[in-house]
Every structure is written in structure tokens, then in C-alpha cells.
PDB file of N, CA and C in Angstrom:
ATOM      1  N   MET A   1     -10.809  -4.547   7.564  1.00  0.00           N
ATOM      2  CA  MET A   1     -10.848  -4.066   6.286  1.00  0.00           C
ATOM      3  C   MET A   1     -12.271  -3.178   6.149  1.00  0.00           C
ATOM      4  N   ASN A   2     -12.148  -2.068   5.489  1.00  0.00           N
ATOM      5  CA  ASN A   2     -13.198  -1.347   5.455  1.00  0.00           C
ATOM      6  C   ASN A   2     -13.931  -1.694   4.038  1.00  0.00           C
ATOM      7  N   LYS A   3     -15.106  -1.019   3.781  1.00  0.00           N
ATOM      8  CA  LYS A   3     -15.862  -1.354   2.447  1.00  0.00           C
ATOM      9  C   LYS A   3     -15.059  -1.048   1.281  1.00  0.00           C
ATOM     10  N   THR A   4     -14.280   0.039   1.185  1.00  0.00           N
ATOM     11  CA  THR A   4     -13.571   0.523  -0.026  1.00  0.00           C
ATOM     12  C   THR A   4     -12.382  -0.390  -0.119  1.00  0.00           C
ATOM     13  N   GLU A   5     -11.684  -0.932   0.882  1.00  0.00           N
ATOM     14  CA  GLU A   5     -10.691  -1.891   0.746  1.00  0.00           C
ATOM     15  C   GLU A   5     -11.179  -3.242   0.279  1.00  0.00           C
ATOM     16  N   ALA A   6     -12.391  -3.663   0.831  1.00  0.00           N
ATOM     17  CA  ALA A   6     -12.980  -4.863   0.391  1.00  0.00           C
ATOM     18  C   ALA A   6     -13.321  -4.796  -1.084  1.00  0.00           C
ATOM     19  N   ALA A   7     -13.809  -3.649  -1.646  1.00  0.00           N
ATOM     20  CA  ALA A   7     -14.089  -3.545  -3.039  1.00  0.00           C
ATOM     21  C   ALA A   7     -12.937  -3.579  -3.803  1.00  0.00           C
ATOM     22  N   TRP A   8     -11.780  -3.109  -3.250  1.00  0.00           N
ATOM     23  CA  TRP A   8     -10.462  -3.047  -4.129  1.00  0.00           C
ATOM     24  C   TRP A   8      -9.967  -4.578  -4.174  1.00  0.00           C
ATOM     25  N   LEU A   9     -10.135  -5.310  -3.054  1.00  0.00           N
ATOM     26  CA  LEU A   9      -9.806  -6.646  -3.016  1.00  0.00           C
ATOM     27  C   LEU A   9     -10.491  -7.458  -4.175  1.00  0.00           C
ATOM     28  N   ASP A  10     -11.822  -7.198  -4.128  1.00  0.00           N
ATOM     29  CA  ASP A  10     -12.498  -7.882  -5.298  1.00  0.00           C
ATOM     30  C   ASP A  10     -12.023  -7.549  -6.653  1.00  0.00           C
ATOM     31  N   GLU A  11     -11.635  -6.317  -6.702  1.00  0.00           N
ATOM     32  CA  GLU A  11     -11.016  -5.825  -8.192  1.00  0.00           C
ATOM     33  C   GLU A  11      -9.762  -6.483  -8.351  1.00  0.00           C
ATOM     34  N   LEU A  12      -8.832  -6.566  -7.272  1.00  0.00           N
ATOM     35  CA  LEU A  12      -7.644  -7.262  -7.579  1.00  0.00           C
ATOM     36  C   LEU A  12      -7.715  -8.709  -8.015  1.00  0.00           C
ATOM     37  N   ILE A  13      -8.661  -9.394  -7.403  1.00  0.00           N
ATOM     38  CA  ILE A  13      -9.007 -10.633  -7.796  1.00  0.00           C
ATOM     39  C   ILE A  13      -9.573 -10.803  -9.261  1.00  0.00           C
ATOM     40  N   ARG A  14     -10.377  -9.912  -9.469  1.00  0.00           N
ATOM     41  CA  ARG A  14     -10.999  -9.805 -10.848  1.00  0.00           C
ATOM     42  C   ARG A  14      -9.898  -9.541 -11.943  1.00  0.00           C
ATOM     43  N   ILE A  15      -8.920  -8.727 -11.601  1.00  0.00           N
ATOM     44  CA  ILE A  15      -7.817  -8.255 -12.559  1.00  0.00           C
ATOM     45  C   ILE A  15      -6.957  -9.661 -12.771  1.00  0.00           C
ATOM     46  N   GLY A  16      -6.848 -10.450 -11.767  1.00  0.00           N
ATOM     47  CA  GLY A  16      -6.054 -11.740 -11.828  1.00  0.00           C
ATOM     48  C   GLY A  16      -5.007 -11.882 -10.967  1.00  0.00           C
ATOM     49  N   TYR A  17      -4.909 -11.118  -9.864  1.00  0.00           N
ATOM     50  CA  TYR A  17      -3.886 -11.365  -8.863  1.00  0.00           C
ATOM     51  C   TYR A  17      -4.308 -12.519  -7.968  1.00  0.00           C
ATOM     52  N   THR A  18      -3.418 -13.446  -7.621  1.00  0.00           N
ATOM     53  CA  THR A  18      -3.690 -14.395  -6.817  1.00  0.00           C
ATOM     54  C   THR A  18      -2.790 -14.366  -5.484  1.00  0.00           C
ATOM     55  N   ARG A  19      -1.688 -13.740  -5.502  1.00  0.00           N
ATOM     56  CA  ARG A  19      -0.891 -13.576  -4.232  1.00  0.00           C
ATOM     57  C   ARG A  19      -1.128 -12.156  -3.658  1.00  0.00           C
ATOM     58  N   ILE A  20      -2.176 -12.107  -2.868  1.00  0.00           N
ATOM     59  CA  ILE A  20      -2.630 -10.874  -2.273  1.00  0.00           C
ATOM     60  C   ILE A  20      -2.492 -10.954  -0.779  1.00  0.00           C
ATOM     61  N   ARG A  21      -1.959  -9.966  -0.085  1.00  0.00           N
ATOM     62  CA  ARG A  21      -1.897  -9.937   1.323  1.00  0.00           C
ATOM     63  C   ARG A  21      -2.470  -8.602   1.844  1.00  0.00           C
ATOM     64  N   PHE A  22      -3.266  -8.705   2.890  1.00  0.00           N
ATOM     65  CA  PHE A  22      -3.833  -7.394   3.475  1.00  0.00           C
ATOM     66  C   PHE A  22      -2.909  -6.987   4.703  1.00  0.00           C
ATOM     67  N   SER A  23      -2.410  -5.801   4.620  1.00  0.00           N
ATOM     68  CA  SER A  23      -1.614  -5.199   5.843  1.00  0.00           C
ATOM     69  C   SER A  23      -0.668  -6.105   6.356  1.00  0.00           C
ATOM     70  N   ALA A  24       0.113  -6.776   5.518  1.00  0.00           N
ATOM     71  CA  ALA A  24       0.936  -7.870   5.900  1.00  0.00           C
ATOM     72  C   ALA A  24       2.426  -7.298   6.167  1.00  0.00           C
ATOM     73  N   ILE A  25       2.818  -6.341   5.486  1.00  0.00           N
ATOM     74  CA  ILE A  25       4.197  -5.890   5.555  1.00  0.00           C
ATOM     75  C   ILE A  25       4.225  -4.352   5.909  1.00  0.00           C
ATOM     76  N   THR A  26       5.136  -4.125   6.878  1.00  0.00           N
ATOM     77  CA  THR A  26       5.281  -2.783   7.468  1.00  0.00           C
ATOM     78  C   THR A  26       6.667  -2.297   6.960  1.00  0.00           C
ATOM     79  N   PHE A  27       6.723  -1.166   6.352  1.00  0.00           N
ATOM     80  CA  PHE A  27       8.104  -0.673   5.782  1.00  0.00           C
ATOM     81  C   PHE A  27       8.457   0.277   6.934  1.00  0.00           C
ATOM     82  N   LYS A  28       9.728   0.223   7.457  1.00  0.00           N
ATOM     83  CA  LYS A  28      10.317   1.121   8.162  1.00  0.00           C
ATOM     84  C   LYS A  28      10.946   2.267   7.437  1.00  0.00           C
ATOM     85  N   LEU A  29      10.455   3.470   7.583  1.00  0.00           N
ATOM     86  CA  LEU A  29      10.816   4.683   6.742  1.00  0.00           C
ATOM     87  C   LEU A  29      12.008   5.497   7.517  1.00  0.00           C
ATOM     88  N   GLY A  30      12.160   5.478   8.753  1.00  0.00           N
ATOM     89  CA  GLY A  30      13.062   6.182   9.498  1.00  0.00           C
ATOM     90  C   GLY A  30      12.848   5.904  11.033  1.00  0.00           C
ATOM     91  N   HIS A  31      13.517   6.686  11.762  1.00  0.00           N
ATOM     92  CA  HIS A  31      13.406   6.391  13.225  1.00  0.00           C
ATOM     93  C   HIS A  31      11.867   6.722  13.562  1.00  0.00           C
ATOM     94  N   ASP A  32      11.273   5.653  14.208  1.00  0.00           N
ATOM     95  CA  ASP A  32       9.882   5.722  14.743  1.00  0.00           C
ATOM     96  C   ASP A  32       8.954   6.263  13.614  1.00  0.00           C
ATOM     97  N   CYS A  33       9.098   5.819  12.375  1.00  0.00           N
ATOM     98  CA  CYS A  33       8.228   6.160  11.346  1.00  0.00           C
ATOM     99  C   CYS A  33       8.032   4.948  10.418  1.00  0.00           C
ATOM    100  N   ARG A  34       6.779   4.456  10.354  1.00  0.00           N
ATOM    101  CA  ARG A  34       6.533   3.342   9.575  1.00  0.00           C
ATOM    102  C   ARG A  34       5.307   3.461   8.725  1.00  0.00           C
ATOM    103  N   TYR A  35       5.280   2.612   7.708  1.00  0.00           N
ATOM    104  CA  TYR A  35       4.126   2.674   6.720  1.00  0.00           C
ATOM    105  C   TYR A  35       3.685   1.306   6.415  1.00  0.00           C
ATOM    106  N   THR A  36       2.386   0.961   6.601  1.00  0.00           N
ATOM    107  CA  THR A  36       1.877  -0.384   6.250  1.00  0.00           C
ATOM    108  C   THR A  36       0.865  -0.144   5.127  1.00  0.00           C
ATOM    109  N   PRO A  37       1.124  -0.583   3.823  1.00  0.00           N
ATOM    110  CA  PRO A  37       0.162  -0.451   2.746  1.00  0.00           C
ATOM    111  C   PRO A  37      -1.048  -1.346   2.978  1.00  0.00           C
ATOM    112  N   ASP A  38      -2.160  -1.000   2.403  1.00  0.00           N
ATOM    113  CA  ASP A  38      -3.395  -1.799   2.644  1.00  0.00           C
ATOM    114  C   ASP A  38      -3.180  -3.221   1.872  1.00  0.00           C
ATOM    115  N   PHE A  39      -2.470  -3.340   0.718  1.00  0.00           N
ATOM    116  CA  PHE A  39      -2.373  -4.569   0.125  1.00  0.00           C
ATOM    117  C   PHE A  39      -1.005  -4.766  -0.478  1.00  0.00           C
ATOM    118  N   ILE A  40      -0.524  -5.894  -0.498  1.00  0.00           N
ATOM    119  CA  ILE A  40       0.755  -6.260  -1.191  1.00  0.00           C
ATOM    120  C   ILE A  40       0.348  -7.368  -2.124  1.00  0.00           C
ATOM    121  N   CYS A  41       0.816  -7.283  -3.399  1.00  0.00           N
ATOM    122  CA  CYS A  41       0.618  -8.170  -4.387  1.00  0.00           C
ATOM    123  C   CYS A  41       1.974  -8.419  -5.185  1.00  0.00           C
ATOM    124  N   PHE A  42       2.038  -9.530  -5.892  1.00  0.00           N
ATOM    125  CA  PHE A  42       3.197  -9.779  -6.663  1.00  0.00           C
ATOM    126  C   PHE A  42       2.819 -10.139  -8.077  1.00  0.00           C
ATOM    127  N   THR A  43       3.469  -9.528  -9.082  1.00  0.00           N
ATOM    128  CA  THR A  43       3.314  -9.921 -10.494  1.00  0.00           C
ATOM    129  C   THR A  43       3.780 -11.269 -10.672  1.00  0.00           C
ATOM    130  N   ARG A  44       3.558 -11.800 -11.873  1.00  0.00           N
ATOM    131  CA  ARG A  44       4.080 -13.105 -12.219  1.00  0.00           C
ATOM    132  C   ARG A  44       5.563 -13.223 -12.213  1.00  0.00           C
ATOM    133  N   SER A  45       6.234 -12.025 -12.569  1.00  0.00           N
ATOM    134  CA  SER A  45       7.754 -11.946 -12.587  1.00  0.00           C
ATOM    135  C   SER A  45       8.309 -11.730 -11.158  1.00  0.00           C
ATOM    136  N   GLY A  46       7.472 -11.588 -10.197  1.00  0.00           N
ATOM    137  CA  GLY A  46       7.930 -11.358  -8.832  1.00  0.00           C
ATOM    138  C   GLY A  46       7.977  -9.903  -8.346  1.00  0.00           C
ATOM    139  N   GLN A  47       7.668  -8.988  -9.108  1.00  0.00           N
ATOM    140  CA  GLN A  47       7.580  -7.612  -8.737  1.00  0.00           C
ATOM    141  C   GLN A  47       6.570  -7.373  -7.649  1.00  0.00           C
ATOM    142  N   MET A  48       6.998  -6.761  -6.473  1.00  0.00           N
ATOM    143  CA  MET A  48       6.201  -6.363  -5.433  1.00  0.00           C
ATOM    144  C   MET A  48       5.387  -5.089  -5.697  1.00  0.00           C
ATOM    145  N   ILE A  49       4.060  -5.055  -5.547  1.00  0.00           N
ATOM    146  CA  ILE A  49       3.302  -3.873  -5.733  1.00  0.00           C
ATOM    147  C   ILE A  49       2.642  -3.662  -4.356  1.00  0.00           C
ATOM    148  N   ALA A  50       2.857  -2.341  -3.950  1.00  0.00           N
ATOM    149  CA  ALA A  50       2.081  -2.023  -2.604  1.00  0.00           C
ATOM    150  C   ALA A  50       0.860  -1.008  -2.949  1.00  0.00           C
ATOM    151  N   TRP A  51      -0.186  -1.412  -2.606  1.00  0.00           N
ATOM    152  CA  TRP A  51      -1.486  -0.711  -2.974  1.00  0.00           C
ATOM    153  C   TRP A  51      -1.924   0.008  -1.635  1.00  0.00           C
ATOM    154  N   GLU A  52      -2.154   1.291  -1.820  1.00  0.00           N
ATOM    155  CA  GLU A  52      -2.799   2.082  -0.885  1.00  0.00           C
ATOM    156  C   GLU A  52      -4.128   2.533  -1.159  1.00  0.00           C
ATOM    157  N   VAL A  53      -5.194   2.169  -0.431  1.00  0.00           N
ATOM    158  CA  VAL A  53      -6.601   2.349  -0.912  1.00  0.00           C
ATOM    159  C   VAL A  53      -7.189   3.608  -0.128  1.00  0.00           C
ATOM    160  N   LYS A  54      -7.618   4.613  -0.631  1.00  0.00           N
ATOM    161  CA  LYS A  54      -8.177   5.732   0.046  1.00  0.00           C
ATOM    162  C   LYS A  54      -9.601   6.191  -0.517  1.00  0.00           C
ATOM    163  N   GLY A  55     -10.377   6.579   0.387  1.00  0.00           N
ATOM    164  CA  GLY A  55     -11.691   7.107   0.107  1.00  0.00           C
ATOM    165  C   GLY A  55     -11.430   8.598  -0.246  1.00  0.00           C
ATOM    166  N   PHE A  56     -10.374   9.137   0.337  1.00  0.00           N
ATOM    167  CA  PHE A  56     -10.030  10.587   0.162  1.00  0.00           C
ATOM    168  C   PHE A  56      -8.606  10.686   0.459  1.00  0.00           C
ATOM    169  N   ARG A  57      -7.892  11.774  -0.013  1.00  0.00           N
ATOM    170  CA  ARG A  57      -6.462  11.986   0.178  1.00  0.00           C
ATOM    171  C   ARG A  57      -6.140  12.768   1.521  1.00  0.00           C
ATOM    172  N   ARG A  58      -5.071  12.371   2.179  1.00  0.00           N
ATOM    173  CA  ARG A  58      -4.612  13.104   3.336  1.00  0.00           C
ATOM    174  C   ARG A  58      -3.217  13.404   3.045  1.00  0.00           C
ATOM    175  N   ASP A  59      -2.730  14.589   3.425  1.00  0.00           N
ATOM    176  CA  ASP A  59      -1.393  14.985   3.152  1.00  0.00           C
ATOM    177  C   ASP A  59      -0.423  14.069   3.794  1.00  0.00           C
ATOM    178  N   ASP A  60      -0.604  13.705   5.087  1.00  0.00           N
ATOM    179  CA  ASP A  60       0.344  12.977   5.699  1.00  0.00           C
ATOM    180  C   ASP A  60       0.590  11.468   5.056  1.00  0.00           C
ATOM    181  N   ALA A  61      -0.513  10.973   4.535  1.00  0.00           N
ATOM    182  CA  ALA A  61      -0.600   9.650   3.835  1.00  0.00           C
ATOM    183  C   ALA A  61       0.279   9.757   2.441  1.00  0.00           C
ATOM    184  N   MET A  62       0.108  10.822   1.887  1.00  0.00           N
ATOM    185  CA  MET A  62       0.907  11.148   0.594  1.00  0.00           C
ATOM    186  C   MET A  62       2.436  11.203   0.866  1.00  0.00           C
ATOM    187  N   VAL A  63       2.810  11.992   1.923  1.00  0.00           N
ATOM    188  CA  VAL A  63       4.163  12.074   2.324  1.00  0.00           C
ATOM    189  C   VAL A  63       4.924  10.729   2.597  1.00  0.00           C
ATOM    190  N   LYS A  64       4.045   9.919   3.378  1.00  0.00           N
ATOM    191  CA  LYS A  64       4.578   8.560   3.713  1.00  0.00           C
ATOM    192  C   LYS A  64       4.693   7.690   2.455  1.00  0.00           C
ATOM    193  N   LEU A  65       3.783   7.830   1.501  1.00  0.00           N
ATOM    194  CA  LEU A  65       3.835   7.033   0.233  1.00  0.00           C
ATOM    195  C   LEU A  65       5.161   7.439  -0.558  1.00  0.00           C
ATOM    196  N   ARG A  66       5.322   8.799  -0.761  1.00  0.00           N
ATOM    197  CA  ARG A  66       6.472   9.344  -1.413  1.00  0.00           C
ATOM    198  C   ARG A  66       7.698   8.906  -0.763  1.00  0.00           C
ATOM    199  N   VAL A  67       7.799   8.906   0.526  1.00  0.00           N
ATOM    200  CA  VAL A  67       9.056   8.558   1.371  1.00  0.00           C
ATOM    201  C   VAL A  67       9.240   7.139   1.193  1.00  0.00           C
ATOM    202  N   ALA A  68       8.175   6.265   1.147  1.00  0.00           N
ATOM    203  CA  ALA A  68       8.287   4.799   0.892  1.00  0.00           C
ATOM    204  C   ALA A  68       8.798   4.574  -0.398  1.00  0.00           C
ATOM    205  N   ALA A  69       8.412   5.226  -1.389  1.00  0.00           N
ATOM    206  CA  ALA A  69       8.816   4.958  -2.760  1.00  0.00           C
ATOM    207  C   ALA A  69      10.179   5.486  -2.927  1.00  0.00           C
ATOM    208  N   THR A  70      10.694   6.294  -2.215  1.00  0.00           N
ATOM    209  CA  THR A  70      12.074   6.678  -2.257  1.00  0.00           C
ATOM    210  C   THR A  70      12.976   5.773  -1.539  1.00  0.00           C
ATOM    211  N   VAL A  71      12.610   5.351  -0.329  1.00  0.00           N
ATOM    212  CA  VAL A  71      13.385   4.411   0.411  1.00  0.00           C
ATOM    213  C   VAL A  71      13.478   2.954  -0.067  1.00  0.00           C
ATOM    214  N   PHE A  72      12.361   2.585  -0.656  1.00  0.00           N
ATOM    215  CA  PHE A  72      12.139   1.262  -1.367  1.00  0.00           C
ATOM    216  C   PHE A  72      11.902   1.295  -2.858  1.00  0.00           C
ATOM    217  N   PRO A  73      12.842   1.657  -3.626  1.00  0.00           N
ATOM    218  CA  PRO A  73      12.603   1.869  -5.028  1.00  0.00           C
ATOM    219  C   PRO A  73      12.337   0.514  -5.849  1.00  0.00           C
ATOM    220  N   GLU A  74      12.594  -0.640  -5.202  1.00  0.00           N
ATOM    221  CA  GLU A  74      12.358  -1.909  -5.939  1.00  0.00           C
ATOM    222  C   GLU A  74      10.882  -2.293  -5.856  1.00  0.00           C
ATOM    223  N   VAL A  75      10.157  -1.544  -4.920  1.00  0.00           N
ATOM    224  CA  VAL A  75       8.706  -1.772  -4.761  1.00  0.00           C
ATOM    225  C   VAL A  75       7.891  -0.604  -5.451  1.00  0.00           C
ATOM    226  N   GLU A  76       6.739  -1.176  -6.215  1.00  0.00           N
ATOM    227  CA  GLU A  76       5.965  -0.162  -6.925  1.00  0.00           C
ATOM    228  C   GLU A  76       4.762   0.238  -5.980  1.00  0.00           C
ATOM    229  N   PHE A  77       4.694   1.541  -5.650  1.00  0.00           N
ATOM    230  CA  PHE A  77       3.737   1.932  -4.742  1.00  0.00           C
ATOM    231  C   PHE A  77       2.595   2.690  -5.657  1.00  0.00           C
ATOM    232  N   ILE A  78       1.387   2.180  -5.345  1.00  0.00           N
ATOM    233  CA  ILE A  78       0.302   2.834  -6.049  1.00  0.00           C
ATOM    234  C   ILE A  78      -0.978   3.152  -5.132  1.00  0.00           C
ATOM    235  N   LEU A  79      -1.361   4.395  -5.288  1.00  0.00           N
ATOM    236  CA  LEU A  79      -2.468   4.893  -4.424  1.00  0.00           C
ATOM    237  C   LEU A  79      -3.779   4.649  -5.407  1.00  0.00           C
ATOM    238  N   VAL A  80      -4.840   4.110  -4.741  1.00  0.00           N
ATOM    239  CA  VAL A  80      -6.023   3.763  -5.465  1.00  0.00           C
ATOM    240  C   VAL A  80      -7.151   4.481  -4.870  1.00  0.00           C
ATOM    241  N   GLU A  81      -7.948   5.185  -5.522  1.00  0.00           N
ATOM    242  CA  GLU A  81      -9.139   5.907  -5.059  1.00  0.00           C
ATOM    243  C   GLU A  81     -10.401   5.525  -5.871  1.00  0.00           C
ATOM    244  N   LEU A  82     -11.358   5.443  -5.243  1.00  0.00           N
ATOM    245  CA  LEU A  82     -12.670   5.032  -5.905  1.00  0.00           C
ATOM    246  C   LEU A  82     -13.377   6.445  -6.038  1.00  0.00           C
ATOM    247  N   LYS A  83     -13.601   6.939  -7.235  1.00  0.00           N
ATOM    248  CA  LYS A  83     -14.252   8.206  -7.676  1.00  0.00           C
ATOM    249  C   LYS A  83     -15.337   7.939  -8.566  1.00  0.00           C
ATOM    250  N   LYS A  84     -16.605   8.165  -8.045  1.00  0.00           N
ATOM    251  CA  LYS A  84     -17.851   7.985  -8.901  1.00  0.00           C
ATOM    252  C   LYS A  84     -17.854   6.609  -9.555  1.00  0.00           C
ATOM    253  N   SER A  85     -17.572   5.596  -8.736  1.00  0.00           N
ATOM    254  CA  SER A  85     -17.657   4.125  -9.153  1.00  0.00           C
ATOM    255  C   SER A  85     -16.442   3.817 -10.157  1.00  0.00           C
ATOM    256  N   ILE A  86     -15.505   4.643 -10.218  1.00  0.00           N
ATOM    257  CA  ILE A  86     -14.372   4.336 -11.144  1.00  0.00           C
ATOM    258  C   ILE A  86     -13.063   4.324 -10.281  1.00  0.00           C
ATOM    259  N   TRP A  87     -12.301   3.241 -10.421  1.00  0.00           N
ATOM    260  CA  TRP A  87     -10.964   3.137  -9.693  1.00  0.00           C
ATOM    261  C   TRP A  87      -9.956   4.001 -10.402  1.00  0.00           C
ATOM    262  N   VAL A  88      -9.297   4.963  -9.716  1.00  0.00           N
ATOM    263  CA  VAL A  88      -8.349   5.848 -10.215  1.00  0.00           C
ATOM    264  C   VAL A  88      -6.962   5.496  -9.503  1.00  0.00           C
ATOM    265  N   ARG A  89      -6.021   5.121 -10.342  1.00  0.00           N
ATOM    266  CA  ARG A  89      -4.774   4.788  -9.786  1.00  0.00           C
ATOM    267  C   ARG A  89      -3.734   5.881 -10.043  1.00  0.00           C
ATOM    268  N   THR A  90      -2.900   6.225  -9.066  1.00  0.00           N
ATOM    269  CA  THR A  90      -1.866   7.161  -9.086  1.00  0.00           C
ATOM    270  C   THR A  90      -0.579   6.414  -8.713  1.00  0.00           C
ATOM    271  N   TYR A  91       0.312   6.427  -9.652  1.00  0.00           N
ATOM    272  CA  TYR A  91       1.578   5.666  -9.427  1.00  0.00           C
ATOM    273  C   TYR A  91       2.506   6.657  -8.695  1.00  0.00           C
ATOM    274  N   ILE A  92       3.102   6.248  -7.591  1.00  0.00           N
ATOM    275  CA  ILE A  92       3.851   7.104  -6.669  1.00  0.00           C
ATOM    276  C   ILE A  92       5.277   7.116  -7.060  1.00  0.00           C
ATOM    277  N   SER A  93       6.015   8.203  -7.362  1.00  0.00           N
ATOM    278  CA  SER A  93       7.258   8.302  -7.835  1.00  0.00           C
ATOM    279  C   SER A  93       8.105   8.760  -6.513  1.00  0.00           C
ATOM    280  N   PRO A  94       9.336   8.367  -6.555  1.00  0.00           N
ATOM    281  CA  PRO A  94      10.303   8.739  -5.491  1.00  0.00           C
ATOM    282  C   PRO A  94      10.475  10.256  -5.417  1.00  0.00           C
ATOM    283  N   ILE A  95      10.814  10.642  -4.218  1.00  0.00           N
ATOM    284  CA  ILE A  95      11.220  12.123  -4.082  1.00  0.00           C
ATOM    285  C   ILE A  95      12.634  12.337  -4.657  1.00  0.00           C
ATOM    286  N   PRO A  96      12.750  13.328  -5.650  1.00  0.00           N
ATOM    287  CA  PRO A  96      14.008  13.603  -6.323  1.00  0.00           C
ATOM    288  C   PRO A  96      15.053  14.027  -5.179  1.00  0.00           C
ATOM    289  N   LEU A  97      16.209  13.408  -5.287  1.00  0.00           N
ATOM    290  CA  LEU A  97      17.187  13.676  -4.260  1.00  0.00           C
ATOM    291  C   LEU A  97      18.380  14.549  -4.934  1.00  0.00           C
TER     292      LEU A  97
END
């Protein structure tokens, strides 16, 4: 876990999540294509949230996030970036088919 991921873990705990897993689930997106989010959390109602923590965006990571959101619509995928000491969340929507 890098420093940004460790800082987001602290934030998840501060927000009140208790069921937090680091790099615990890998989603199969297609033949020989996989995606492992940095954190998996569950809401009190059981909704799975996949958090991707980035210091900066890369195009390939965004493509995998969008594909994952499309293939697994029951999971909420969120990109989190630390910008000037502020956590910025981007909710990832599925690719329109």
C-alpha cells in the first residue's frame, strides 16, 4: 500500500466504514483482462463499493474502470484522487451500450 492509499484508508475509517478490504477482489473483465480495485467496502445495506485511489489519472486505468462498471453494474465504482489536500471523488458510470 502506498502513502496515498494509506491516507485513503484512514479516510474510509474516519467516514465510518468498518468492512474494508485492500486489493482483495479481482474482477475479470474479458479474456486475459482483469481489474483489482484498491479497496472494497460494503455499506450497511450490503452494497459493494470499489474504490480506486490515484495520485494522477492514466487513460488505461479509466478504461478499465468504465469497463468494470459496465460488466458489474451491481458494484459502485469510485475513483478517488487527492488534490491539494482534498479528496475528490469521481463516480464511474457504465459505458452506454
